């Protein structure tokens, strides 16, 4: 239908303009022969049957997409990631962003104290003697 309307609009515009159509045509625009061929095809009876079949196929495909989305959300995972795993990863990522924002906006003295605490903990894990301050 959209193609038919485009063709009608193109013809009306071509008739309305006084300048030659060839001067304003784009290379991708259909030629007069192609327009006539399209009109002939659209007049054939199988064209309507094809349009109806495509409409039925699109409706079934939409239903299948909805069923597939529901299955992916609520059924047990067989492969890849489930909906809840993706949600968990998103929440973990948001927590990491918050942690990074806190580190970036933190006081340099606090960062230095945290680094010293980590070094002290690593030394204790290596069974090294740690000096208390």
N, C-alpha and C. Protein backbone atom coordinates (compact mmCIF):
# COMPACT_ATOMS: atom_id res chain seq x y z
N UNK A 1 0.81 -1.19 0.00
CA UNK A 1 0.00 0.00 0.00
C UNK A 1 0.86 1.26 0.00
N UNK A 2 1.93 1.22 0.78
CA UNK A 2 2.78 2.41 0.86
C UNK A 2 3.43 2.69 -0.48
N UNK A 3 3.83 1.64 -1.17
CA UNK A 3 4.44 1.82 -2.48
C UNK A 3 3.44 2.40 -3.47
N UNK A 4 2.21 1.92 -3.38
CA UNK A 4 1.16 2.43 -4.27
C UNK A 4 0.91 3.92 -4.01
N UNK A 5 0.88 4.30 -2.74
CA UNK A 5 0.70 5.71 -2.41
C UNK A 5 1.88 6.56 -2.87
N UNK A 6 3.09 6.00 -2.71
CA UNK A 6 4.27 6.74 -3.19
C UNK A 6 4.20 6.96 -4.69
N UNK A 7 3.78 5.94 -5.40
CA UNK A 7 3.69 6.06 -6.85
C UNK A 7 2.65 7.11 -7.24
N UNK A 8 1.52 7.10 -6.56
CA UNK A 8 0.47 8.09 -6.86
C UNK A 8 0.97 9.50 -6.55
N UNK A 9 1.65 9.66 -5.42
CA UNK A 9 2.20 10.97 -5.04
C UNK A 9 3.25 11.42 -6.04
N UNK A 10 4.09 10.49 -6.49
CA UNK A 10 5.13 10.84 -7.45
C UNK A 10 4.51 11.30 -8.77
N UNK A 11 3.44 10.60 -9.19
CA UNK A 11 2.77 11.00 -10.43
C UNK A 11 2.12 12.37 -10.29
N UNK A 12 1.48 12.60 -9.15
CA UNK A 12 0.82 13.90 -8.93
C UNK A 12 1.85 15.02 -8.88
N UNK A 13 2.97 14.76 -8.24
CA UNK A 13 4.02 15.77 -8.17
C UNK A 13 4.63 16.03 -9.54
N UNK A 14 4.79 14.98 -10.32
CA UNK A 14 5.37 15.13 -11.66
C UNK A 14 4.44 15.94 -12.56
N UNK A 15 3.14 15.72 -12.44
CA UNK A 15 2.19 16.47 -13.25
C UNK A 15 2.11 17.93 -12.80
N UNK A 16 2.25 18.16 -11.50
CA UNK A 16 2.14 19.52 -10.97
C UNK A 16 3.34 20.39 -11.37
N UNK A 17 4.49 19.77 -11.51
CA UNK A 17 5.68 20.53 -11.85
C UNK A 17 5.70 20.83 -13.35
N UNK A 18 6.15 22.01 -13.69
CA UNK A 18 6.22 22.38 -15.09
C UNK A 18 7.57 22.03 -15.70
N UNK A 19 8.59 21.89 -14.84
CA UNK A 19 9.91 21.55 -15.36
C UNK A 19 9.97 20.06 -15.68
N UNK A 20 10.88 19.66 -16.53
CA UNK A 20 10.96 18.24 -16.91
C UNK A 20 11.24 17.35 -15.69
N UNK A 21 10.62 16.18 -15.68
CA UNK A 21 10.78 15.24 -14.58
C UNK A 21 12.20 14.69 -14.56
N UNK A 22 12.82 14.53 -15.71
CA UNK A 22 14.17 13.97 -15.80
C UNK A 22 15.18 14.81 -15.02
N UNK A 23 15.00 16.10 -14.98
CA UNK A 23 15.97 16.97 -14.32
C UNK A 23 15.94 16.81 -12.80
N UNK A 24 14.80 16.46 -12.22
CA UNK A 24 14.69 16.35 -10.77
C UNK A 24 14.71 14.92 -10.28
N UNK A 25 14.75 13.94 -11.17
CA UNK A 25 14.71 12.54 -10.74
C UNK A 25 16.03 12.11 -10.13
N UNK A 26 15.92 11.28 -9.14
CA UNK A 26 17.07 10.68 -8.50
C UNK A 26 17.39 9.37 -9.24
N UNK A 27 18.62 8.92 -9.18
CA UNK A 27 19.00 7.68 -9.87
C UNK A 27 18.27 6.48 -9.30
N UNK A 28 17.90 6.53 -8.01
CA UNK A 28 17.25 5.41 -7.37
C UNK A 28 15.74 5.39 -7.60
N UNK A 29 15.19 6.46 -8.13
CA UNK A 29 13.76 6.50 -8.41
C UNK A 29 13.43 5.52 -9.53
N UNK A 30 12.26 4.87 -9.45
CA UNK A 30 11.88 3.93 -10.51
C UNK A 30 11.59 4.66 -11.82
N UNK A 31 11.91 3.99 -12.90
CA UNK A 31 11.62 4.56 -14.21
C UNK A 31 10.13 4.35 -14.52
N UNK A 32 9.67 4.96 -15.62
CA UNK A 32 8.26 4.82 -16.00
C UNK A 32 7.92 3.36 -16.30
N UNK A 33 8.86 2.64 -16.93
CA UNK A 33 8.62 1.22 -17.22
C UNK A 33 8.50 0.41 -15.93
N UNK A 34 9.34 0.71 -14.95
CA UNK A 34 9.29 -0.01 -13.68
C UNK A 34 7.99 0.28 -12.94
N UNK A 35 7.53 1.52 -13.01
CA UNK A 35 6.27 1.89 -12.37
C UNK A 35 5.12 1.13 -13.01
N UNK A 36 5.11 1.04 -14.32
CA UNK A 36 4.06 0.30 -15.01
C UNK A 36 4.12 -1.19 -14.66
N UNK A 37 5.33 -1.73 -14.57
CA UNK A 37 5.47 -3.15 -14.21
C UNK A 37 4.95 -3.40 -12.80
N UNK A 38 5.24 -2.48 -11.89
CA UNK A 38 4.76 -2.63 -10.50
C UNK A 38 3.24 -2.57 -10.46
N UNK A 39 2.65 -1.67 -11.22
CA UNK A 39 1.19 -1.57 -11.26
C UNK A 39 0.58 -2.86 -11.80
N UNK A 40 1.20 -3.45 -12.81
CA UNK A 40 0.69 -4.71 -13.38
C UNK A 40 0.76 -5.82 -12.34
N UNK A 41 1.88 -5.89 -11.62
CA UNK A 41 2.03 -6.93 -10.59
C UNK A 41 0.99 -6.76 -9.50
N UNK A 42 0.75 -5.51 -9.08
CA UNK A 42 -0.21 -5.26 -8.01
C UNK A 42 -1.64 -5.54 -8.45
N UNK A 43 -1.90 -5.56 -9.73
CA UNK A 43 -3.25 -5.85 -10.23
C UNK A 43 -3.52 -7.35 -10.31
N UNK A 44 -2.49 -8.16 -10.19
CA UNK A 44 -2.66 -9.62 -10.30
C UNK A 44 -3.29 -10.18 -9.03
N UNK A 45 -4.09 -11.28 -9.18
CA UNK A 45 -4.80 -11.82 -8.01
C UNK A 45 -3.87 -12.43 -6.96
N UNK A 46 -2.74 -12.98 -7.37
CA UNK A 46 -1.85 -13.60 -6.38
C UNK A 46 -1.21 -12.55 -5.48
N UNK A 47 -1.19 -11.29 -5.88
CA UNK A 47 -0.60 -10.22 -5.07
C UNK A 47 -1.38 -10.07 -3.75
N UNK A 48 -2.71 -10.09 -3.83
CA UNK A 48 -3.53 -9.98 -2.62
C UNK A 48 -3.32 -11.18 -1.71
N UNK A 49 -3.21 -12.38 -2.32
CA UNK A 49 -2.97 -13.58 -1.51
C UNK A 49 -1.61 -13.48 -0.81
N UNK A 50 -0.62 -13.00 -1.51
CA UNK A 50 0.71 -12.84 -0.93
C UNK A 50 0.68 -11.84 0.23
N UNK A 51 -0.04 -10.73 0.07
CA UNK A 51 -0.15 -9.74 1.13
C UNK A 51 -0.82 -10.34 2.37
N UNK A 52 -1.89 -11.13 2.17
CA UNK A 52 -2.57 -11.75 3.30
C UNK A 52 -1.66 -12.75 4.01
N UNK A 53 -0.92 -13.55 3.24
CA UNK A 53 0.00 -14.52 3.84
C UNK A 53 1.10 -13.82 4.65
N UNK A 54 1.62 -12.74 4.13
CA UNK A 54 2.66 -12.00 4.85
C UNK A 54 2.10 -11.40 6.14
N UNK A 55 0.85 -10.94 6.11
CA UNK A 55 0.23 -10.39 7.31
C UNK A 55 0.08 -11.48 8.38
N UNK A 56 -0.36 -12.67 7.96
CA UNK A 56 -0.50 -13.79 8.89
C UNK A 56 0.87 -14.17 9.47
N UNK A 57 1.87 -14.20 8.61
CA UNK A 57 3.22 -14.56 9.07
C UNK A 57 3.75 -13.55 10.08
N UNK A 58 3.53 -12.26 9.85
CA UNK A 58 3.98 -11.23 10.79
C UNK A 58 3.27 -11.36 12.13
N UNK A 59 1.97 -11.66 12.11
CA UNK A 59 1.23 -11.82 13.36
C UNK A 59 1.78 -13.01 14.15
N UNK A 60 2.05 -14.14 13.47
CA UNK A 60 2.60 -15.31 14.15
C UNK A 60 3.99 -15.01 14.70
N UNK A 61 4.78 -14.26 13.94
CA UNK A 61 6.12 -13.92 14.38
C UNK A 61 6.08 -13.04 15.63
N UNK A 62 5.14 -12.09 15.69
CA UNK A 62 5.00 -11.25 16.88
C UNK A 62 4.64 -12.09 18.10
N UNK A 63 3.72 -13.06 17.91
CA UNK A 63 3.35 -13.93 19.02
C UNK A 63 4.55 -14.77 19.47
N UNK A 64 5.33 -15.27 18.52
CA UNK A 64 6.49 -16.08 18.85
C UNK A 64 7.52 -15.27 19.63
N UNK A 65 7.70 -14.01 19.27
CA UNK A 65 8.65 -13.15 19.98
C UNK A 65 8.22 -12.96 21.42
N UNK A 66 6.92 -12.76 21.64
CA UNK A 66 6.41 -12.58 23.00
C UNK A 66 6.60 -13.85 23.81
N UNK A 67 6.31 -15.01 23.23
CA UNK A 67 6.48 -16.28 23.92
C UNK A 67 7.95 -16.51 24.24
N UNK A 68 8.83 -16.21 23.30
CA UNK A 68 10.26 -16.40 23.51
C UNK A 68 10.77 -15.50 24.63
N UNK A 69 10.33 -14.26 24.66
CA UNK A 69 10.75 -13.34 25.72
C UNK A 69 10.28 -13.84 27.08
N UNK A 70 9.03 -14.34 27.14
CA UNK A 70 8.52 -14.88 28.40
C UNK A 70 9.33 -16.09 28.84
N UNK A 71 9.63 -16.97 27.90
CA UNK A 71 10.43 -18.15 28.23
C UNK A 71 11.81 -17.78 28.73
N UNK A 72 12.43 -16.79 28.11
CA UNK A 72 13.77 -16.38 28.52
C UNK A 72 13.77 -15.79 29.93
N UNK A 73 12.67 -15.13 30.30
CA UNK A 73 12.61 -14.51 31.63
C UNK A 73 12.32 -15.51 32.73
N UNK A 74 11.41 -16.43 32.49
CA UNK A 74 10.89 -17.24 33.59
C UNK A 74 11.32 -18.70 33.59
N UNK A 75 11.82 -19.21 32.50
CA UNK A 75 12.23 -20.62 32.48
C UNK A 75 13.65 -20.77 32.97
N UNK A 76 13.97 -21.99 33.40
CA UNK A 76 15.33 -22.26 33.87
C UNK A 76 16.32 -22.10 32.73
N UNK A 77 17.51 -21.72 33.08
CA UNK A 77 18.54 -21.45 32.08
C UNK A 77 19.07 -22.77 31.51
N UNK A 78 19.17 -22.85 30.19
CA UNK A 78 19.78 -24.01 29.56
C UNK A 78 21.15 -23.64 29.01
N UNK A 79 21.28 -22.43 28.51
CA UNK A 79 22.57 -21.93 28.04
C UNK A 79 22.52 -20.41 28.06
N UNK A 80 23.66 -19.80 27.92
CA UNK A 80 23.81 -18.35 28.02
C UNK A 80 23.43 -17.87 29.41
N UNK A 81 22.82 -16.71 29.55
CA UNK A 81 22.52 -16.13 30.85
C UNK A 81 21.01 -15.98 31.03
N UNK A 82 20.57 -16.19 32.26
CA UNK A 82 19.15 -15.99 32.54
C UNK A 82 18.90 -14.51 32.80
N UNK A 83 17.64 -14.14 32.86
CA UNK A 83 17.24 -12.77 33.13
C UNK A 83 17.82 -12.30 34.48
N UNK A 84 17.77 -13.17 35.48
CA UNK A 84 18.23 -12.79 36.81
C UNK A 84 19.75 -12.62 36.87
N UNK A 85 20.47 -13.42 36.10
CA UNK A 85 21.93 -13.25 36.05
C UNK A 85 22.30 -11.92 35.42
N UNK A 86 21.58 -11.53 34.38
CA UNK A 86 21.84 -10.24 33.74
C UNK A 86 21.49 -9.11 34.71
N UNK A 87 20.38 -9.25 35.41
CA UNK A 87 19.99 -8.24 36.39
C UNK A 87 21.01 -8.14 37.51
N UNK A 88 21.50 -9.30 38.00
CA UNK A 88 22.51 -9.31 39.06
C UNK A 88 23.79 -8.63 38.58
N UNK A 89 24.22 -8.93 37.35
CA UNK A 89 25.43 -8.31 36.81
C UNK A 89 25.25 -6.80 36.69
N UNK A 90 24.07 -6.36 36.29
CA UNK A 90 23.80 -4.93 36.19
C UNK A 90 23.90 -4.27 37.57
N UNK A 91 23.30 -4.91 38.57
CA UNK A 91 23.35 -4.35 39.92
C UNK A 91 24.78 -4.32 40.45
N UNK A 92 25.56 -5.37 40.16
CA UNK A 92 26.97 -5.39 40.56
C UNK A 92 27.72 -4.26 39.89
N UNK A 93 27.46 -4.04 38.62
CA UNK A 93 28.12 -2.97 37.89
C UNK A 93 27.77 -1.61 38.46
N UNK A 94 26.51 -1.42 38.84
CA UNK A 94 26.11 -0.14 39.44
C UNK A 94 26.82 0.07 40.79
N UNK A 95 26.95 -1.01 41.56
CA UNK A 95 27.68 -0.91 42.83
C UNK A 95 29.14 -0.57 42.61
N UNK A 96 29.73 -1.13 41.57
CA UNK A 96 31.12 -0.84 41.25
C UNK A 96 31.29 0.62 40.84
N UNK A 97 30.32 1.14 40.08
CA UNK A 97 30.38 2.54 39.69
C UNK A 97 30.30 3.44 40.93
N UNK A 98 29.45 3.07 41.87
CA UNK A 98 29.33 3.86 43.10
C UNK A 98 30.63 3.82 43.89
N UNK A 99 31.25 2.64 43.95
CA UNK A 99 32.51 2.50 44.67
C UNK A 99 33.60 3.35 44.02
N UNK A 100 33.65 3.31 42.68
CA UNK A 100 34.65 4.11 41.97
C UNK A 100 34.42 5.61 42.18
N UNK A 101 33.16 6.02 42.21
CA UNK A 101 32.86 7.44 42.45
C UNK A 101 33.32 7.85 43.84
N UNK A 102 33.13 6.96 44.82
CA UNK A 102 33.59 7.27 46.18
C UNK A 102 35.11 7.38 46.23
N UNK A 103 35.81 6.50 45.52
CA UNK A 103 37.28 6.53 45.50
C UNK A 103 37.77 7.81 44.84
N UNK A 104 37.16 8.19 43.74
CA UNK A 104 37.60 9.38 43.00
C UNK A 104 37.37 10.64 43.82
N UNK A 105 36.25 10.67 44.53
CA UNK A 105 35.94 11.88 45.30
C UNK A 105 36.46 11.84 46.73
N UNK A 106 37.19 10.78 47.10
CA UNK A 106 37.68 10.63 48.47
C UNK A 106 38.86 11.56 48.74
N UNK A 107 39.11 11.78 50.03
CA UNK A 107 40.25 12.59 50.47
C UNK A 107 41.54 11.80 50.23
N UNK A 108 42.60 12.43 49.72
CA UNK A 108 43.85 11.71 49.48
C UNK A 108 44.42 11.05 50.74
N UNK A 109 44.18 11.64 51.90
CA UNK A 109 44.68 11.04 53.14
C UNK A 109 43.96 9.72 53.43
N UNK A 110 42.66 9.68 53.15
CA UNK A 110 41.90 8.44 53.34
C UNK A 110 42.41 7.35 52.41
N UNK A 111 42.74 7.74 51.18
CA UNK A 111 43.26 6.76 50.22
C UNK A 111 44.60 6.22 50.70
N UNK A 112 45.45 7.11 51.21
CA UNK A 112 46.77 6.69 51.70
C UNK A 112 46.62 5.74 52.88
N UNK A 113 45.66 6.02 53.80
CA UNK A 113 45.42 5.13 54.93
C UNK A 113 44.93 3.76 54.47
N UNK A 114 44.07 3.75 53.47
CA UNK A 114 43.55 2.49 52.95
C UNK A 114 44.66 1.68 52.30
N UNK A 115 45.55 2.35 51.56
CA UNK A 115 46.67 1.65 50.93
C UNK A 115 47.59 1.05 51.99
N UNK A 116 47.85 1.79 53.06
CA UNK A 116 48.71 1.27 54.14
C UNK A 116 48.05 0.08 54.82
N UNK A 117 46.73 0.12 55.01
CA UNK A 117 46.01 -1.00 55.62
C UNK A 117 46.11 -2.25 54.74
N UNK A 118 46.00 -2.05 53.43
CA UNK A 118 46.11 -3.19 52.50
C UNK A 118 47.51 -3.77 52.55
N UNK A 119 48.53 -2.92 52.55
CA UNK A 119 49.91 -3.39 52.62
C UNK A 119 50.17 -4.14 53.93
N UNK A 120 49.58 -3.63 55.02
CA UNK A 120 49.74 -4.28 56.31
C UNK A 120 49.07 -5.67 56.29
N UNK A 121 47.88 -5.75 55.71
CA UNK A 121 47.18 -7.03 55.63
C UNK A 121 47.95 -8.03 54.78
N UNK A 122 48.53 -7.56 53.67
CA UNK A 122 49.33 -8.45 52.81
C UNK A 122 50.56 -8.94 53.55
N UNK A 123 51.19 -8.06 54.33
CA UNK A 123 52.37 -8.45 55.10
C UNK A 123 52.01 -9.51 56.14
N UNK A 124 50.87 -9.34 56.80
CA UNK A 124 50.44 -10.32 57.79
C UNK A 124 50.18 -11.66 57.11
N UNK A 125 49.59 -11.64 55.92
CA UNK A 125 49.32 -12.89 55.21
C UNK A 125 50.61 -13.59 54.79
N UNK A 126 51.68 -12.82 54.59
CA UNK A 126 52.98 -13.43 54.23
C UNK A 126 53.79 -13.79 55.47
N UNK A 127 53.21 -13.68 56.63
CA UNK A 127 53.83 -14.00 57.92
C UNK A 127 55.03 -13.10 58.20
N UNK A 128 54.94 -11.86 57.75
CA UNK A 128 56.00 -10.91 58.05
C UNK A 128 55.67 -10.16 59.33
N UNK A 129 56.71 -9.66 59.96
CA UNK A 129 56.51 -8.89 61.20
C UNK A 129 56.06 -7.49 60.82
N UNK A 130 54.96 -7.05 61.43
CA UNK A 130 54.38 -5.76 61.14
C UNK A 130 54.57 -4.85 62.34
N UNK A 131 55.04 -3.63 62.10
CA UNK A 131 55.22 -2.67 63.18
C UNK A 131 53.91 -1.95 63.45
N UNK A 132 53.54 -1.86 64.70
CA UNK A 132 52.33 -1.14 65.10
C UNK A 132 52.69 0.33 65.28
N UNK A 133 51.82 1.22 64.81
CA UNK A 133 52.06 2.66 64.95
C UNK A 133 51.23 3.23 66.04
